[in-house]
Amino acid sequence: MHSIGKKVAAFIIAAAMLVALAGCSGQPLSTREKGTGIGALLGAGTGAIIGAAVGSPGAGAAIGGALGAGTGFVVGNAMQNQEVQQQQTQSQLQSQQTEIEQQRREIEQMKSQSETE
């Protein structure tokens, strides 16, 4: 039983080191990557707890980590896609506002010209 606890601890430490290493890649993690990492860690922790209850915390942590990573990826991907869509909408809105301002200036200029004539 003592060696199983060591395996679980080693797995959790390895997962944490992997996340820390990914964080040092020079670029910030994307929402998709954050979701995958958080899901993997939460899944591994939950799997280890459930696995310990049935006598196999290492297998529980591995299975939970894999399922958590998959779920985290799906959720993170959906969130990232929504962020991209919001950025595109914001960009279009800014472009339209710029165009409206330009048209207002042109209208004011045309009014000034018609008043001077």
N, C-alpha and C. Protein backbone atom coordinates (compact mmCIF):
# COMPACT_ATOMS: atom_id res chain seq x y z
N MET A 1 0.84 -1.19 0.00
CA MET A 1 0.00 0.00 0.00
C MET A 1 0.88 1.24 0.00
N HIS A 2 2.03 1.16 0.67
CA HIS A 2 2.92 2.31 0.74
C HIS A 2 3.50 2.67 -0.63
N SER A 3 3.79 1.65 -1.45
CA SER A 3 4.33 1.91 -2.79
C SER A 3 3.27 2.50 -3.71
N ILE A 4 2.01 2.19 -3.50
CA ILE A 4 0.95 2.77 -4.32
C ILE A 4 0.84 4.26 -4.05
N GLY A 5 0.95 4.65 -2.81
CA GLY A 5 0.91 6.08 -2.46
C GLY A 5 2.06 6.82 -3.10
N LYS A 6 3.22 6.19 -3.16
CA LYS A 6 4.38 6.82 -3.81
C LYS A 6 4.13 6.99 -5.31
N LYS A 7 3.50 6.00 -5.92
CA LYS A 7 3.20 6.08 -7.35
C LYS A 7 2.23 7.23 -7.64
N VAL A 8 1.22 7.36 -6.80
CA VAL A 8 0.25 8.44 -6.99
C VAL A 8 0.93 9.79 -6.82
N ALA A 9 1.75 9.90 -5.78
CA ALA A 9 2.46 11.16 -5.54
C ALA A 9 3.40 11.47 -6.71
N ALA A 10 4.09 10.47 -7.22
CA ALA A 10 4.99 10.68 -8.35
C ALA A 10 4.22 11.12 -9.59
N PHE A 11 3.05 10.52 -9.81
CA PHE A 11 2.24 10.89 -10.97
C PHE A 11 1.77 12.34 -10.85
N ILE A 12 1.29 12.72 -9.68
CA ILE A 12 0.80 14.09 -9.49
C ILE A 12 1.94 15.08 -9.64
N ILE A 13 3.10 14.76 -9.10
CA ILE A 13 4.27 15.65 -9.24
C ILE A 13 4.68 15.75 -10.71
N ALA A 14 4.66 14.63 -11.42
CA ALA A 14 5.03 14.65 -12.84
C ALA A 14 4.04 15.49 -13.64
N ALA A 15 2.76 15.36 -13.33
CA ALA A 15 1.75 16.16 -14.03
C ALA A 15 1.95 17.65 -13.75
N ALA A 16 2.24 17.99 -12.50
CA ALA A 16 2.47 19.39 -12.15
C ALA A 16 3.72 19.93 -12.85
N MET A 17 4.76 19.11 -12.93
CA MET A 17 5.99 19.54 -13.62
C MET A 17 5.72 19.73 -15.11
N LEU A 18 4.90 18.88 -15.69
CA LEU A 18 4.56 19.00 -17.11
C LEU A 18 3.83 20.32 -17.37
N VAL A 19 2.89 20.66 -16.51
CA VAL A 19 2.16 21.92 -16.66
C VAL A 19 3.11 23.10 -16.48
N ALA A 20 4.00 23.01 -15.50
CA ALA A 20 4.96 24.09 -15.27
C ALA A 20 5.90 24.23 -16.47
N LEU A 21 6.34 23.12 -17.03
CA LEU A 21 7.21 23.15 -18.20
C LEU A 21 6.51 23.78 -19.40
N ALA A 22 5.25 23.44 -19.59
CA ALA A 22 4.48 24.03 -20.69
C ALA A 22 4.33 25.53 -20.48
N GLY A 23 4.23 25.95 -19.23
CA GLY A 23 4.12 27.37 -18.94
C GLY A 23 5.38 28.15 -19.25
N CYS A 24 6.50 27.47 -19.35
CA CYS A 24 7.78 28.13 -19.64
C CYS A 24 8.09 28.14 -21.13
N SER A 25 7.13 27.86 -21.97
CA SER A 25 7.38 27.74 -23.40
C SER A 25 7.60 29.10 -24.07
N GLY A 26 7.43 30.18 -23.33
CA GLY A 26 7.67 31.50 -23.91
C GLY A 26 6.39 32.19 -24.32
N GLN A 27 5.34 31.44 -24.54
CA GLN A 27 4.05 32.01 -24.91
C GLN A 27 3.05 31.64 -23.83
N PRO A 28 2.10 32.53 -23.58
CA PRO A 28 1.09 32.16 -22.59
C PRO A 28 0.24 31.00 -23.09
N LEU A 29 -0.27 30.22 -22.16
CA LEU A 29 -1.10 29.08 -22.55
C LEU A 29 -2.42 29.58 -23.12
N SER A 30 -2.89 28.89 -24.14
CA SER A 30 -4.19 29.24 -24.71
C SER A 30 -5.29 28.73 -23.77
N THR A 31 -6.48 29.18 -24.00
CA THR A 31 -7.62 28.73 -23.19
C THR A 31 -7.79 27.22 -23.33
N ARG A 32 -7.58 26.72 -24.52
CA ARG A 32 -7.68 25.27 -24.77
C ARG A 32 -6.64 24.52 -23.94
N GLU A 33 -5.41 25.01 -23.92
CA GLU A 33 -4.34 24.35 -23.16
C GLU A 33 -4.59 24.43 -21.66
N LYS A 34 -5.08 25.57 -21.20
CA LYS A 34 -5.41 25.71 -19.78
C LYS A 34 -6.51 24.73 -19.39
N GLY A 35 -7.53 24.62 -20.21
CA GLY A 35 -8.62 23.70 -19.92
C GLY A 35 -8.15 22.26 -19.87
N THR A 36 -7.28 21.89 -20.80
CA THR A 36 -6.75 20.53 -20.82
C THR A 36 -5.93 20.25 -19.57
N GLY A 37 -5.06 21.19 -19.20
CA GLY A 37 -4.21 21.00 -18.02
C GLY A 37 -5.01 20.93 -16.73
N ILE A 38 -5.95 21.83 -16.58
CA ILE A 38 -6.78 21.83 -15.36
C ILE A 38 -7.61 20.56 -15.29
N GLY A 39 -8.18 20.17 -16.43
CA GLY A 39 -8.97 18.94 -16.45
C GLY A 39 -8.14 17.72 -16.10
N ALA A 40 -6.92 17.67 -16.62
CA ALA A 40 -6.04 16.53 -16.34
C ALA A 40 -5.69 16.47 -14.85
N LEU A 41 -5.36 17.61 -14.27
CA LEU A 41 -5.01 17.62 -12.85
C LEU A 41 -6.20 17.27 -11.96
N LEU A 42 -7.34 17.86 -12.25
CA LEU A 42 -8.53 17.55 -11.45
C LEU A 42 -8.94 16.10 -11.63
N GLY A 43 -8.88 15.62 -12.87
CA GLY A 43 -9.23 14.22 -13.13
C GLY A 43 -8.28 13.25 -12.44
N ALA A 44 -6.98 13.56 -12.47
CA ALA A 44 -6.00 12.68 -11.82
C ALA A 44 -6.22 12.66 -10.32
N GLY A 45 -6.47 13.83 -9.74
CA GLY A 45 -6.71 13.88 -8.29
C GLY A 45 -7.96 13.11 -7.91
N THR A 46 -9.04 13.35 -8.65
CA THR A 46 -10.29 12.66 -8.36
C THR A 46 -10.15 11.16 -8.61
N GLY A 47 -9.48 10.81 -9.70
CA GLY A 47 -9.27 9.39 -9.99
C GLY A 47 -8.43 8.69 -8.94
N ALA A 48 -7.42 9.40 -8.40
CA ALA A 48 -6.59 8.82 -7.35
C ALA A 48 -7.40 8.57 -6.09
N ILE A 49 -8.28 9.52 -5.76
CA ILE A 49 -9.12 9.36 -4.56
C ILE A 49 -10.08 8.18 -4.74
N ILE A 50 -10.73 8.13 -5.89
CA ILE A 50 -11.67 7.03 -6.13
C ILE A 50 -10.91 5.71 -6.23
N GLY A 51 -9.75 5.74 -6.91
CA GLY A 51 -8.95 4.53 -7.04
C GLY A 51 -8.45 4.02 -5.69
N ALA A 52 -8.12 4.95 -4.78
CA ALA A 52 -7.66 4.54 -3.45
C ALA A 52 -8.78 3.84 -2.70
N ALA A 53 -10.02 4.25 -2.93
CA ALA A 53 -11.15 3.63 -2.25
C ALA A 53 -11.35 2.19 -2.69
N VAL A 54 -10.97 1.88 -3.93
CA VAL A 54 -11.13 0.51 -4.42
C VAL A 54 -9.80 -0.25 -4.46
N GLY A 55 -8.74 0.38 -3.98
CA GLY A 55 -7.46 -0.30 -3.87
C GLY A 55 -6.50 -0.12 -5.04
N SER A 56 -6.76 0.82 -5.93
CA SER A 56 -5.88 1.02 -7.07
C SER A 56 -5.76 2.51 -7.41
N PRO A 57 -5.10 3.29 -6.54
CA PRO A 57 -5.04 4.73 -6.78
C PRO A 57 -4.24 5.12 -8.01
N GLY A 58 -3.21 4.35 -8.35
CA GLY A 58 -2.41 4.67 -9.54
C GLY A 58 -3.22 4.56 -10.81
N ALA A 59 -3.95 3.47 -10.94
CA ALA A 59 -4.79 3.29 -12.12
C ALA A 59 -5.91 4.32 -12.14
N GLY A 60 -6.47 4.61 -10.98
CA GLY A 60 -7.52 5.62 -10.89
C GLY A 60 -7.02 6.98 -11.32
N ALA A 61 -5.80 7.31 -10.89
CA ALA A 61 -5.22 8.61 -11.26
C ALA A 61 -4.96 8.68 -12.76
N ALA A 62 -4.46 7.60 -13.32
CA ALA A 62 -4.17 7.58 -14.77
C ALA A 62 -5.46 7.69 -15.59
N ILE A 63 -6.45 6.91 -15.21
CA ILE A 63 -7.73 6.95 -15.94
C ILE A 63 -8.40 8.30 -15.75
N GLY A 64 -8.44 8.77 -14.50
CA GLY A 64 -9.05 10.08 -14.22
C GLY A 64 -8.33 11.20 -14.93
N GLY A 65 -7.00 11.14 -14.98
CA GLY A 65 -6.22 12.16 -15.67
C GLY A 65 -6.53 12.20 -17.15
N ALA A 66 -6.63 11.02 -17.76
CA ALA A 66 -6.94 10.96 -19.19
C ALA A 66 -8.34 11.48 -19.48
N LEU A 67 -9.30 11.04 -18.69
CA LEU A 67 -10.68 11.51 -18.89
C LEU A 67 -10.79 13.01 -18.61
N GLY A 68 -10.11 13.46 -17.56
CA GLY A 68 -10.14 14.89 -17.23
C GLY A 68 -9.49 15.73 -18.32
N ALA A 69 -8.39 15.24 -18.88
CA ALA A 69 -7.73 15.98 -19.96
C ALA A 69 -8.63 16.07 -21.18
N GLY A 70 -9.32 14.98 -21.50
CA GLY A 70 -10.24 15.00 -22.64
C GLY A 70 -11.39 15.97 -22.42
N THR A 71 -11.97 15.91 -21.25
CA THR A 71 -13.07 16.82 -20.93
C THR A 71 -12.58 18.26 -20.89
N GLY A 72 -11.43 18.48 -20.28
CA GLY A 72 -10.86 19.83 -20.22
C GLY A 72 -10.57 20.38 -21.60
N PHE A 73 -10.10 19.52 -22.50
CA PHE A 73 -9.84 19.95 -23.87
C PHE A 73 -11.12 20.41 -24.55
N VAL A 74 -12.18 19.61 -24.40
CA VAL A 74 -13.45 19.95 -25.05
C VAL A 74 -13.99 21.28 -24.52
N VAL A 75 -13.97 21.44 -23.20
CA VAL A 75 -14.47 22.68 -22.61
C VAL A 75 -13.58 23.86 -22.98
N GLY A 76 -12.25 23.68 -22.87
CA GLY A 76 -11.32 24.75 -23.23
C GLY A 76 -11.41 25.14 -24.70
N ASN A 77 -11.61 24.15 -25.56
CA ASN A 77 -11.75 24.43 -26.99
C ASN A 77 -13.00 25.25 -27.26
N ALA A 78 -14.10 24.89 -26.62
CA ALA A 78 -15.35 25.65 -26.81
C ALA A 78 -15.18 27.08 -26.31
N MET A 79 -14.51 27.25 -25.18
CA MET A 79 -14.29 28.59 -24.65
C MET A 79 -13.38 29.41 -25.57
N GLN A 80 -12.34 28.77 -26.10
CA GLN A 80 -11.43 29.48 -26.99
C GLN A 80 -12.13 29.87 -28.28
N ASN A 81 -12.97 29.00 -28.81
CA ASN A 81 -13.72 29.34 -30.02
C ASN A 81 -14.66 30.52 -29.77
N GLN A 82 -15.26 30.55 -28.59
CA GLN A 82 -16.14 31.67 -28.24
C GLN A 82 -15.33 32.97 -28.13
N GLU A 83 -14.14 32.90 -27.54
CA GLU A 83 -13.28 34.09 -27.44
C GLU A 83 -12.91 34.62 -28.83
N VAL A 84 -12.58 33.72 -29.74
CA VAL A 84 -12.22 34.12 -31.11
C VAL A 84 -13.41 34.79 -31.79
N GLN A 85 -14.59 34.21 -31.60
CA GLN A 85 -15.79 34.79 -32.19
C GLN A 85 -16.06 36.18 -31.61
N GLN A 86 -15.87 36.35 -30.32
CA GLN A 86 -16.07 37.66 -29.69
C GLN A 86 -15.06 38.68 -30.21
N GLN A 87 -13.82 38.26 -30.41
CA GLN A 87 -12.80 39.16 -30.95
C GLN A 87 -13.15 39.58 -32.37
N GLN A 88 -13.64 38.67 -33.17
CA GLN A 88 -14.03 39.00 -34.54
C GLN A 88 -15.21 39.97 -34.55
N THR A 89 -16.17 39.73 -33.68
CA THR A 89 -17.32 40.63 -33.58
C THR A 89 -16.88 42.01 -33.14
N GLN A 90 -15.98 42.08 -32.17
CA GLN A 90 -15.48 43.36 -31.68
C GLN A 90 -14.72 44.10 -32.79
N SER A 91 -13.95 43.37 -33.57
CA SER A 91 -13.21 43.97 -34.67
C SER A 91 -14.17 44.54 -35.72
N GLN A 92 -15.20 43.79 -36.05
CA GLN A 92 -16.20 44.27 -37.01
C GLN A 92 -16.92 45.50 -36.48
N LEU A 93 -17.24 45.49 -35.20
CA LEU A 93 -17.91 46.64 -34.59
C LEU A 93 -17.03 47.88 -34.65
N GLN A 94 -15.76 47.72 -34.34
CA GLN A 94 -14.82 48.84 -34.39
C GLN A 94 -14.70 49.37 -35.81
N SER A 95 -14.64 48.48 -36.78
CA SER A 95 -14.55 48.89 -38.18
C SER A 95 -15.80 49.68 -38.59
N GLN A 96 -16.95 49.22 -38.18
CA GLN A 96 -18.19 49.92 -38.52
C GLN A 96 -18.26 51.29 -37.83
N GLN A 97 -17.80 51.36 -36.60
CA GLN A 97 -17.79 52.64 -35.90
C GLN A 97 -16.86 53.64 -36.59
N THR A 98 -15.73 53.17 -37.05
CA THR A 98 -14.80 54.03 -37.78
C THR A 98 -15.45 54.54 -39.06
N GLU A 99 -16.12 53.66 -39.76
CA GLU A 99 -16.79 54.05 -41.00
C GLU A 99 -17.90 55.06 -40.73
N ILE A 100 -18.67 54.88 -39.67
CA ILE A 100 -19.72 55.83 -39.32
C ILE A 100 -19.14 57.20 -39.01
N GLU A 101 -18.05 57.23 -38.27
CA GLU A 101 -17.40 58.51 -37.96
C GLU A 101 -16.92 59.21 -39.24
N GLN A 102 -16.36 58.44 -40.16
CA GLN A 102 -15.90 59.01 -41.42
C GLN A 102 -17.09 59.58 -42.20
N GLN A 103 -18.19 58.87 -42.23
CA GLN A 103 -19.37 59.35 -42.94
C GLN A 103 -19.94 60.61 -42.27
N ARG A 104 -19.90 60.67 -40.95
CA ARG A 104 -20.36 61.88 -40.25
C ARG A 104 -19.51 63.09 -40.63
N ARG A 105 -18.21 62.89 -40.70
CA ARG A 105 -17.32 63.99 -41.09
C ARG A 105 -17.62 64.45 -42.51
N GLU A 106 -17.85 63.48 -43.41
CA GLU A 106 -18.17 63.82 -44.79
C GLU A 106 -19.49 64.59 -44.87
N ILE A 107 -20.49 64.20 -44.08
CA ILE A 107 -21.77 64.90 -44.07
C ILE A 107 -21.59 66.32 -43.56
N GLU A 108 -20.81 66.48 -42.49
CA GLU A 108 -20.54 67.82 -41.96
C GLU A 108 -19.82 68.68 -42.98
N GLN A 109 -18.88 68.07 -43.68
CA GLN A 109 -18.15 68.80 -44.70
C GLN A 109 -19.09 69.22 -45.84
N MET A 110 -19.98 68.35 -46.24
CA MET A 110 -20.93 68.67 -47.30
C MET A 110 -21.89 69.78 -46.84
N LYS A 111 -22.30 69.75 -45.58
CA LYS A 111 -23.16 70.80 -45.04
C LYS A 111 -22.45 72.14 -45.07
N SER A 112 -21.19 72.12 -44.67
CA SER A 112 -20.40 73.37 -44.68
C SER A 112 -20.26 73.92 -46.09
N GLN A 113 -20.02 73.04 -47.04
CA GLN A 113 -19.87 73.49 -48.42
C GLN A 113 -21.19 74.05 -48.97
N SER A 114 -22.31 73.44 -48.63
CA SER A 114 -23.58 73.92 -49.15
C SER A 114 -23.98 75.26 -48.49
N GLU A 115 -23.57 75.48 -47.27
CA GLU A 115 -23.86 76.74 -46.58
C GLU A 115 -23.04 77.89 -47.16
N THR A 116 -21.82 77.61 -47.59
CA THR A 116 -20.96 78.66 -48.14
C THR A 116 -21.32 78.99 -49.58
N GLU A 117 -22.08 78.19 -50.23
CA GLU A 117 -22.41 78.44 -51.63
C GLU A 117 -23.58 79.32 -51.76
